[in-house]
Amino acid sequence: MKAQLIAEGIYCLHADIHTDDLFEGIWPIPKGVSLNAYIVKGEKTALIDLVRDWTGAPVQLADCLSSIGLSFSNIDYLILNHLEPDHTGWLREFRERNPRAEILATRKGCSLIKSFYKIENGLRPVKDGDTLDLGAGRVLGFFEAPNVHWPETMVTWDPSSGVLFTCDAFGSFGALGDRVFDDEFGQDEHAFFEEECLRYYANIVSSFSAFVEKAVQKTADLPIKCVAPSHGIVWRRDPKTIIDRYLKYASWAKGPAEKSIAVIWGSMYGNTGIGVNAVIRGIEREGLPYTKRRIPDENISWVLMDAYKSSALVLAMPTYEYAMFPPMSYVLDIFRRKHIYGKKVLRIGSWGWVGGAKKDYEAAIANLKWESIESCEWPGFPAEEDIKALEKRGAELARMVKG
């Protein structure tokens, strides 16, 4: 692994993670993820962000440093934009190798360093407008960006090159391989990373969309030439692409999203599945795009992505022991945690000897600010009149989205 030159004296170091382990213990990364760190050199040398010891990431970083004649012991300053352990988990080992490096973070970040890693000395808290002079005309600036997506987060700015180091902001799932820059990937590859960027945003950042908008506003007047996140592509050709993408995603949290429907369904013996197909026929008659995810077969990561980007949901589940189908209860709990608000929603489902999902469902969605159309439930196999009603409901939901 070699360091990649971004601008004079600035390098991207990256480690690709390929593992069956789950990101944050929840989200699958079947195509991997990158952990990016950065070197900025003046008369002194700063390392921006770190890694955890995950599939040999510290060794990959050490190889990148070696390729430009450096080692961890050569670092004068370690700047930690964000204290989540995927960017700091190797901090104690770094400190053992380099006890003299000064560590910079926000005040809250320094508190987390003390509580997470029991490091008390050599810390410098920074705030909005503070700077770090590396010599040779290179002065880094700091902007606090709280709750993107932890409260201690900041971004680092290098005015001499126009590079903005953003840690989790503007990130994406997906390993990078031997390329890191936006102008090195083809159209199909960009389509893959765009979907992984949306999934990353929906899974990791969506709850904090208002703070994403505030952070973008705070840096709006900077002449940004490159966006350098700690996961995913480094945007040197067109940094506006990733900034605009994040603003679009953030806007979905408070207003209409894409004119599409996310169909999320589970079925015990196929009866609810038959109802789902009827609803989809109604949607298709109206010509509206939709996605379809079956739970628990498909992981919540992709279910959440589809729900976040869509203006409407179809939630289909049977009654299970007088309540909702348990996998759907989990989906709705994640929706609550991730603030999946303001959707137009149709609920359908079959029941066996008795219903009961309705009461459980309504309690689960009480605070989600959804606009619900009349639900449709039936006992056992759906009758012909049930099928007609389901098709009608699907078409009605599609028309609501079309406006």
Protein backbone atom coordinates (compact mmCIF):
# COMPACT_ATOMS: atom_id res chain seq x y z
CA MET A 1 0.00 0.00 0.00
CA LYS A 2 1.42 3.38 -1.02
CA ALA A 3 0.53 6.87 0.15
CA GLN A 4 -1.36 8.88 -2.48
CA LEU A 5 -0.28 12.47 -3.16
CA ILE A 6 -3.19 14.93 -2.89
CA ALA A 7 -1.26 18.21 -3.04
CA GLU A 8 2.22 19.35 -2.18
CA GLY A 9 3.03 17.95 1.27
CA ILE A 10 -0.39 16.25 1.66
CA TYR A 11 -0.91 12.50 1.33
CA CYS A 12 -3.78 10.07 1.75
CA LEU A 13 -2.97 6.92 3.71
CA HIS A 14 -5.65 4.30 3.49
CA ALA A 15 -6.41 0.82 4.74
CA ASP A 16 -8.98 -1.39 3.05
CA ILE A 17 -11.10 -3.49 5.38
CA HIS A 18 -12.54 -6.76 4.05
CA THR A 19 -14.34 -8.71 6.75
CA ASP A 20 -17.53 -10.46 7.77
CA ASP A 21 -17.48 -8.26 10.87
CA LEU A 22 -20.31 -5.71 10.98
CA PHE A 23 -19.65 -1.97 10.85
CA GLU A 24 -20.68 -0.51 14.23
CA GLY A 25 -21.67 -4.08 15.10
CA ILE A 26 -24.82 -3.69 12.95
CA TRP A 27 -24.22 -2.89 9.28
CA PRO A 28 -22.81 -5.45 6.79
CA ILE A 29 -19.93 -4.36 4.55
CA PRO A 30 -19.81 -7.10 1.90
CA LYS A 31 -17.74 -4.88 -0.39
CA GLY A 32 -15.54 -3.66 2.44
CA VAL A 33 -14.83 -0.16 3.69
CA SER A 34 -11.79 2.10 3.65
CA LEU A 35 -10.20 3.78 6.65
CA ASN A 36 -8.47 6.92 5.40
CA ALA A 37 -5.92 8.97 7.31
CA TYR A 38 -3.86 11.91 6.06
CA ILE A 39 -0.37 13.33 6.33
CA VAL A 40 0.15 17.09 6.15
CA LYS A 41 3.77 18.27 6.07
CA GLY A 42 5.29 21.66 6.81
CA GLU A 43 8.43 21.95 8.87
CA LYS A 44 6.56 19.63 11.20
CA THR A 45 4.30 16.71 10.32
CA ALA A 46 0.66 16.17 11.24
CA LEU A 47 -1.28 12.92 10.97
CA ILE A 48 -5.02 13.50 10.62
CA ASP A 49 -7.12 10.68 12.05
CA LEU A 50 -6.10 7.14 12.83
CA VAL A 51 -7.51 3.59 12.57
CA ARG A 52 -8.45 0.68 14.77
CA ASP A 53 -6.59 -2.63 14.59
CA TRP A 54 -9.09 -4.10 12.15
CA THR A 55 -7.86 -6.67 9.61
CA GLY A 56 -4.35 -5.29 9.88
CA ALA A 57 -5.21 -1.64 9.29
CA PRO A 58 -2.24 -0.26 11.33
CA VAL A 59 0.15 -2.31 9.20
CA GLN A 60 -1.43 -0.92 6.03
CA LEU A 61 -1.01 2.62 7.40
CA ALA A 62 2.60 1.90 8.35
CA ASP A 63 3.26 0.71 4.78
CA CYS A 64 1.77 3.94 3.40
CA LEU A 65 3.96 6.01 5.73
CA SER A 66 7.04 4.03 4.75
CA SER A 67 6.36 4.74 1.08
CA ILE A 68 6.96 8.47 1.77
CA GLY A 69 9.88 7.92 4.14
CA LEU A 70 7.95 8.27 7.41
CA SER A 71 6.97 6.16 10.38
CA PHE A 72 4.64 6.71 13.31
CA SER A 73 7.59 7.98 15.34
CA ASN A 74 8.04 10.90 12.91
CA ILE A 75 4.61 12.39 13.65
CA ASP A 76 4.66 15.69 15.55
CA TYR A 77 0.89 16.17 15.82
CA LEU A 78 -2.02 13.74 15.73
CA ILE A 79 -5.29 15.50 14.85
CA LEU A 80 -8.41 13.55 15.75
CA ASN A 81 -11.48 14.96 14.01
CA HIS A 82 -13.73 12.28 15.49
CA LEU A 83 -13.24 9.88 18.39
CA GLU A 84 -15.27 6.88 17.25
CA PRO A 85 -13.06 3.81 17.67
CA ASP A 86 -12.78 2.98 13.96
CA HIS A 87 -10.67 6.17 13.78
CA THR A 88 -9.00 5.99 17.19
CA GLY A 89 -8.94 2.37 18.34
CA TRP A 90 -5.17 2.12 17.80
CA LEU A 91 -4.48 5.30 19.78
CA ARG A 92 -2.83 3.67 22.80
CA GLU A 93 -0.46 1.72 20.54
CA PHE A 94 0.33 4.90 18.61
CA ARG A 95 1.09 6.64 21.90
CA GLU A 96 3.47 3.86 22.91
CA ARG A 97 5.35 4.22 19.62
CA ASN A 98 5.34 8.00 19.74
CA PRO A 99 4.98 9.45 23.26
CA ARG A 100 6.02 12.95 22.16
CA ALA A 101 3.30 13.66 19.56
CA GLU A 102 0.75 16.24 20.67
CA ILE A 103 -2.86 15.13 20.18
CA LEU A 104 -5.41 17.72 19.05
CA ALA A 105 -9.18 17.34 19.30
CA THR A 106 -12.15 19.41 20.41
CA ARG A 107 -12.70 19.88 24.12
CA LYS A 108 -15.28 17.10 24.10
CA GLY A 109 -12.91 15.02 22.01
CA CYS A 110 -10.16 15.40 24.60
CA SER A 111 -12.59 14.23 27.27
CA LEU A 112 -13.31 11.12 25.23
CA ILE A 113 -9.57 10.45 24.78
CA LYS A 114 -9.25 10.47 28.56
CA SER A 115 -12.26 8.23 29.16
CA PHE A 116 -11.75 5.84 26.21
CA TYR A 117 -7.97 5.48 26.25
CA LYS A 118 -6.85 6.78 29.68
CA ILE A 119 -4.45 9.24 28.04
CA GLU A 120 -4.19 12.39 30.14
CA ASN A 121 -1.11 14.24 28.89
CA GLY A 122 -0.07 15.79 25.61
CA LEU A 123 -3.61 16.81 24.67
CA ARG A 124 -4.54 20.14 23.11
CA PRO A 125 -8.24 21.05 22.94
CA VAL A 126 -9.15 23.22 19.94
CA LYS A 127 -12.27 25.13 18.95
CA ASP A 128 -13.68 27.08 16.01
CA GLY A 129 -11.06 29.39 14.56
CA ASP A 130 -8.06 27.81 16.28
CA THR A 131 -5.05 27.04 14.10
CA LEU A 132 -1.97 24.84 14.05
CA ASP A 133 1.17 26.26 12.44
CA LEU A 134 3.27 23.46 10.91
CA GLY A 135 5.86 25.89 9.55
CA ALA A 136 6.89 26.51 5.94
CA GLY A 137 3.69 28.53 5.42
CA ARG A 138 1.32 25.70 6.28
CA VAL A 139 -1.30 26.60 8.90
CA LEU A 140 -4.23 24.27 9.57
CA GLY A 141 -7.57 25.57 10.82
CA PHE A 142 -10.31 23.84 12.78
CA PHE A 143 -14.10 24.04 12.61
CA GLU A 144 -16.31 22.29 15.11
CA ALA A 145 -19.04 20.19 13.47
CA PRO A 146 -20.90 18.73 16.45
CA ASN A 147 -23.20 15.76 15.94
CA VAL A 148 -21.88 14.83 12.52
CA HIS A 149 -22.35 12.31 13.89
CA TRP A 150 -20.87 12.40 17.43
CA PRO A 151 -20.91 15.55 19.59
CA GLU A 152 -17.12 15.99 19.60
CA THR A 153 -16.68 16.07 15.82
CA MET A 154 -14.69 18.71 13.93
CA VAL A 155 -13.20 19.18 10.47
CA THR A 156 -9.69 20.33 9.60
CA TRP A 157 -8.95 22.86 6.85
CA ASP A 158 -5.74 23.49 4.92
CA PRO A 159 -6.12 26.86 3.16
CA SER A 160 -2.84 26.56 1.27
CA SER A 161 -4.13 23.57 -0.73
CA GLY A 162 -7.90 23.91 -0.34
CA VAL A 163 -8.22 20.44 1.22
CA LEU A 164 -10.98 19.89 3.78
CA PHE A 165 -10.47 16.84 6.02
CA THR A 166 -13.94 15.75 7.12
CA CYS A 167 -13.66 12.34 8.84
CA ASP A 168 -17.12 10.66 8.79
CA ALA A 169 -18.79 13.51 6.93
CA PHE A 170 -18.98 12.85 3.16
CA GLY A 171 -18.02 9.22 3.71
CA SER A 172 -19.13 5.97 2.10
CA PHE A 173 -18.97 2.23 2.49
CA GLY A 174 -16.88 0.30 -0.04
CA ALA A 175 -13.17 -0.55 -0.18
CA LEU A 176 -11.06 1.52 -2.58
CA GLY A 177 -8.27 -0.81 -3.71
CA ASP A 178 -5.22 0.92 -5.18
CA ARG A 179 -7.14 4.07 -6.21
CA VAL A 180 -8.57 6.75 -3.93
CA PHE A 181 -9.54 9.77 -6.10
CA ASP A 182 -12.87 10.51 -7.78
CA ASP A 183 -11.22 11.02 -11.19
CA GLU A 184 -9.77 7.49 -11.08
CA PHE A 185 -13.09 5.64 -11.07
CA GLY A 186 -15.37 4.89 -14.01
CA GLN A 187 -19.09 5.47 -14.35
CA ASP A 188 -20.13 2.01 -13.11
CA GLU A 189 -17.79 2.27 -10.15
CA HIS A 190 -19.20 5.68 -9.24
CA ALA A 191 -22.72 4.22 -9.40
CA PHE A 192 -21.62 1.53 -6.92
CA PHE A 193 -20.06 4.07 -4.56
CA GLU A 194 -23.09 6.35 -4.81
CA GLU A 195 -25.35 3.54 -3.59
CA GLU A 196 -22.87 2.67 -0.83
CA CYS A 197 -22.74 6.36 0.07
CA LEU A 198 -26.53 6.45 0.45
CA ARG A 199 -26.50 3.27 2.51
CA TYR A 200 -23.74 4.71 4.69
CA TYR A 201 -25.68 7.97 5.14
CA ALA A 202 -28.96 6.22 5.96
CA ASN A 203 -27.28 3.83 8.39
CA ILE A 204 -24.79 6.16 10.08
CA VAL A 205 -25.70 9.82 9.57
CA SER A 206 -29.41 10.18 8.84
CA SER A 207 -30.44 10.91 12.43
CA PHE A 208 -28.16 13.97 12.38
CA SER A 209 -29.17 15.53 9.07
CA ALA A 210 -29.84 18.98 10.55
CA PHE A 211 -26.27 19.04 11.82
CA VAL A 212 -24.95 18.01 8.41
CA GLU A 213 -26.64 21.08 6.94
CA LYS A 214 -25.16 23.30 9.67
CA ALA A 215 -21.67 21.93 9.06
CA VAL A 216 -21.95 22.56 5.31
CA GLN A 217 -23.16 26.11 5.99
CA LYS A 218 -20.24 26.72 8.33
CA THR A 219 -17.71 25.80 5.62
CA ALA A 220 -19.69 27.21 2.67
CA ASP A 221 -17.36 30.18 2.12
CA LEU A 222 -14.19 28.09 2.02
CA PRO A 223 -12.59 27.68 -1.43
CA ILE A 224 -12.68 23.89 -1.19
CA LYS A 225 -10.65 22.11 -3.85
CA CYS A 226 -10.69 18.65 -2.30
CA VAL A 227 -12.91 16.83 0.20
CA ALA A 228 -10.94 14.17 2.08
CA PRO A 229 -13.17 11.93 4.25
CA SER A 230 -12.08 9.04 6.42
CA HIS A 231 -14.24 6.49 4.59
CA GLY A 232 -14.48 6.29 0.82
CA ILE A 233 -13.46 8.35 -2.17
CA VAL A 234 -11.24 11.44 -1.95
CA TRP A 235 -12.92 14.12 -4.07
CA ARG A 236 -10.29 16.21 -5.85
CA ARG A 237 -11.85 16.69 -9.30
CA ASP A 238 -15.36 17.63 -8.23
CA PRO A 239 -15.76 18.04 -4.45
CA LYS A 240 -19.11 19.76 -5.01
CA THR A 241 -20.56 16.39 -6.08
CA ILE A 242 -20.22 14.81 -2.67
CA ILE A 243 -21.21 17.98 -0.81
CA ASP A 244 -24.39 18.34 -2.88
CA ARG A 245 -25.11 14.64 -2.46
CA TYR A 246 -25.00 14.93 1.32
CA LEU A 247 -27.19 18.04 1.24
CA LYS A 248 -29.73 16.14 -0.85
CA TYR A 249 -29.71 13.25 1.60
CA ALA A 250 -30.04 15.66 4.52
CA SER A 251 -33.05 17.33 2.92
CA TRP A 252 -34.91 14.00 2.85
CA ALA A 253 -35.01 14.00 6.66
CA LYS A 254 -37.38 16.97 6.80
CA GLY A 255 -39.26 16.89 3.52
CA PRO A 256 -40.32 14.68 0.64
CA ALA A 257 -37.67 12.26 -0.56
CA GLU A 258 -37.59 10.58 -3.95
CA LYS A 259 -40.90 9.83 -5.62
CA SER A 260 -40.69 6.12 -4.97
CA ILE A 261 -42.13 3.52 -2.61
CA ALA A 262 -40.19 1.13 -0.39
CA VAL A 263 -42.07 -2.15 -0.03
CA ILE A 264 -40.93 -3.93 3.14
CA TRP A 265 -42.56 -7.25 3.85
CA GLY A 266 -42.44 -10.46 5.81
CA SER A 267 -44.62 -13.54 5.50
CA MET A 268 -44.88 -16.74 7.54
CA TYR A 269 -46.74 -19.02 5.11
CA GLY A 270 -47.13 -16.92 1.97
CA ASN A 271 -50.51 -15.29 2.61
CA THR A 272 -49.10 -11.82 3.32
CA GLY A 273 -46.79 -12.27 0.33
CA ILE A 274 -49.80 -12.72 -1.97
CA GLY A 275 -51.18 -9.45 -0.63
CA VAL A 276 -47.85 -7.70 -1.31
CA ASN A 277 -47.98 -8.75 -4.94
CA ALA A 278 -51.47 -7.30 -5.26
CA VAL A 279 -50.34 -3.95 -3.80
CA ILE A 280 -47.41 -3.89 -6.22
CA ARG A 281 -49.74 -4.38 -9.17
CA GLY A 282 -51.58 -1.25 -8.07
CA ILE A 283 -48.30 0.68 -7.77
CA GLU A 284 -47.17 -0.50 -11.19
CA ARG A 285 -50.42 0.64 -12.79
CA GLU A 286 -49.57 4.16 -11.66
CA GLY A 287 -46.05 3.89 -13.12
CA LEU A 288 -44.25 4.73 -9.87
CA PRO A 289 -40.85 3.17 -9.09
CA TYR A 290 -40.56 0.96 -6.03
CA THR A 291 -38.11 -1.28 -4.21
CA LYS A 292 -38.96 -4.54 -2.50
CA ARG A 293 -37.17 -6.01 0.54
CA ARG A 294 -38.20 -9.13 2.42
CA ILE A 295 -37.50 -9.35 6.13
CA PRO A 296 -35.75 -10.97 7.87
CA ASP A 297 -34.11 -12.41 4.73
CA GLU A 298 -32.58 -9.05 3.79
CA ASN A 299 -30.53 -7.10 6.29
CA ILE A 300 -31.93 -3.97 7.91
CA SER A 301 -29.07 -1.94 6.39
CA TRP A 302 -30.62 -2.09 2.90
CA VAL A 303 -34.18 -1.85 4.23
CA LEU A 304 -33.24 1.39 6.00
CA MET A 305 -31.55 2.75 2.87
CA ASP A 306 -34.66 2.18 0.76
CA ALA A 307 -36.99 3.59 3.39
CA TYR A 308 -34.87 6.71 3.88
CA LYS A 309 -34.73 7.59 0.18
CA SER A 310 -38.44 6.92 -0.53
CA SER A 311 -41.41 9.17 0.10
CA ALA A 312 -43.72 6.27 0.89
CA LEU A 313 -43.64 2.85 2.51
CA VAL A 314 -45.64 -0.35 2.24
CA LEU A 315 -45.26 -2.33 5.46
CA ALA A 316 -46.59 -5.85 5.13
CA MET A 317 -46.59 -8.29 8.02
CA PRO A 318 -48.76 -11.07 9.44
CA THR A 319 -50.06 -11.06 12.97
CA TYR A 320 -47.77 -13.19 15.13
CA GLU A 321 -49.00 -14.28 18.55
CA TYR A 322 -51.44 -11.35 18.92
CA ALA A 323 -48.84 -8.76 17.81
CA MET A 324 -46.66 -7.74 14.86
CA PHE A 325 -44.39 -10.17 13.03
CA PRO A 326 -41.23 -9.79 15.19
CA PRO A 327 -38.84 -8.86 12.35
CA MET A 328 -41.12 -5.92 11.50
CA SER A 329 -41.03 -4.79 15.14
CA TYR A 330 -37.25 -4.58 14.81
CA VAL A 331 -37.53 -2.61 11.56
CA LEU A 332 -39.86 -0.08 13.17
CA ASP A 333 -37.56 0.27 16.17
CA ILE A 334 -34.67 1.10 13.81
CA PHE A 335 -36.91 3.58 11.98
CA ARG A 336 -37.66 5.27 15.29
CA ARG A 337 -33.99 5.45 16.21
CA LYS A 338 -33.03 6.79 12.76
CA HIS A 339 -35.88 9.33 12.62
CA ILE A 340 -37.60 8.00 9.52
CA TYR A 341 -40.25 10.70 9.67
CA GLY A 342 -42.84 12.16 7.35
CA LYS A 343 -43.58 9.14 5.16
CA LYS A 344 -46.83 8.17 3.45
CA VAL A 345 -47.55 4.63 4.62
CA LEU A 346 -49.77 1.66 3.84
CA ARG A 347 -49.86 -1.28 6.27
CA ILE A 348 -51.23 -4.65 5.21
CA GLY A 349 -51.16 -8.17 6.59
CA SER A 350 -52.88 -11.48 7.17
CA TRP A 351 -53.85 -13.12 10.42
CA GLY A 352 -54.61 -16.64 11.54
CA TRP A 353 -56.99 -17.27 14.40
CA VAL A 354 -57.16 -13.63 15.48
CA GLY A 355 -55.70 -10.23 14.62
CA GLY A 356 -53.63 -8.03 16.90
CA ALA A 357 -50.87 -6.50 14.78
CA LYS A 358 -52.81 -3.23 14.39
CA LYS A 359 -52.61 -2.19 18.05
CA ASP A 360 -48.95 -3.16 18.33
CA TYR A 361 -48.13 -1.37 15.06
CA GLU A 362 -49.91 1.87 15.97
CA ALA A 363 -48.05 2.08 19.27
CA ALA A 364 -44.73 1.56 17.46
CA ILE A 365 -45.31 4.38 14.94
CA ALA A 366 -46.95 6.87 17.28
CA ASN A 367 -44.09 9.39 17.13
CA LEU A 368 -43.00 8.94 13.50
CA LYS A 369 -45.24 11.66 11.99
CA TRP A 370 -46.48 9.38 9.21
CA GLU A 371 -49.48 9.96 6.96
CA SER A 372 -51.22 6.60 6.87
CA ILE A 373 -53.86 5.46 4.44
CA GLU A 374 -56.47 2.88 5.43
CA SER A 375 -54.79 -0.41 6.23
CA CYS A 376 -55.92 -3.75 4.85
CA GLU A 377 -56.01 -7.00 6.87
CA TRP A 378 -57.55 -10.39 6.12
CA PRO A 379 -57.78 -13.86 7.66
CA GLY A 380 -55.66 -16.59 6.05
CA PHE A 381 -55.57 -16.70 2.25
CA PRO A 382 -56.78 -13.39 0.75
CA ALA A 383 -60.20 -13.53 -0.89
CA GLU A 384 -60.89 -11.97 -4.29
CA GLU A 385 -62.36 -8.86 -2.66
CA ASP A 386 -59.19 -8.56 -0.53
CA ILE A 387 -57.02 -8.72 -3.65
CA LYS A 388 -59.05 -5.97 -5.31
CA ALA A 389 -58.84 -3.80 -2.18
CA LEU A 390 -55.06 -4.31 -1.97
CA GLU A 391 -54.56 -3.34 -5.61
CA LYS A 392 -56.67 -0.25 -5.01
CA ARG A 393 -54.62 0.69 -1.91
CA GLY A 394 -51.37 0.33 -3.84
CA ALA A 395 -52.61 2.62 -6.60
CA GLU A 396 -53.91 5.12 -4.02
CA LEU A 397 -50.53 5.26 -2.29
CA ALA A 398 -48.74 5.77 -5.59
CA ARG A 399 -51.05 8.64 -6.53
CA MET A 400 -50.37 10.30 -3.16
CA VAL A 401 -46.64 10.19 -3.89
CA LYS A 402 -47.07 11.51 -7.42
CA GLY A 403 -49.02 14.46 -6.03
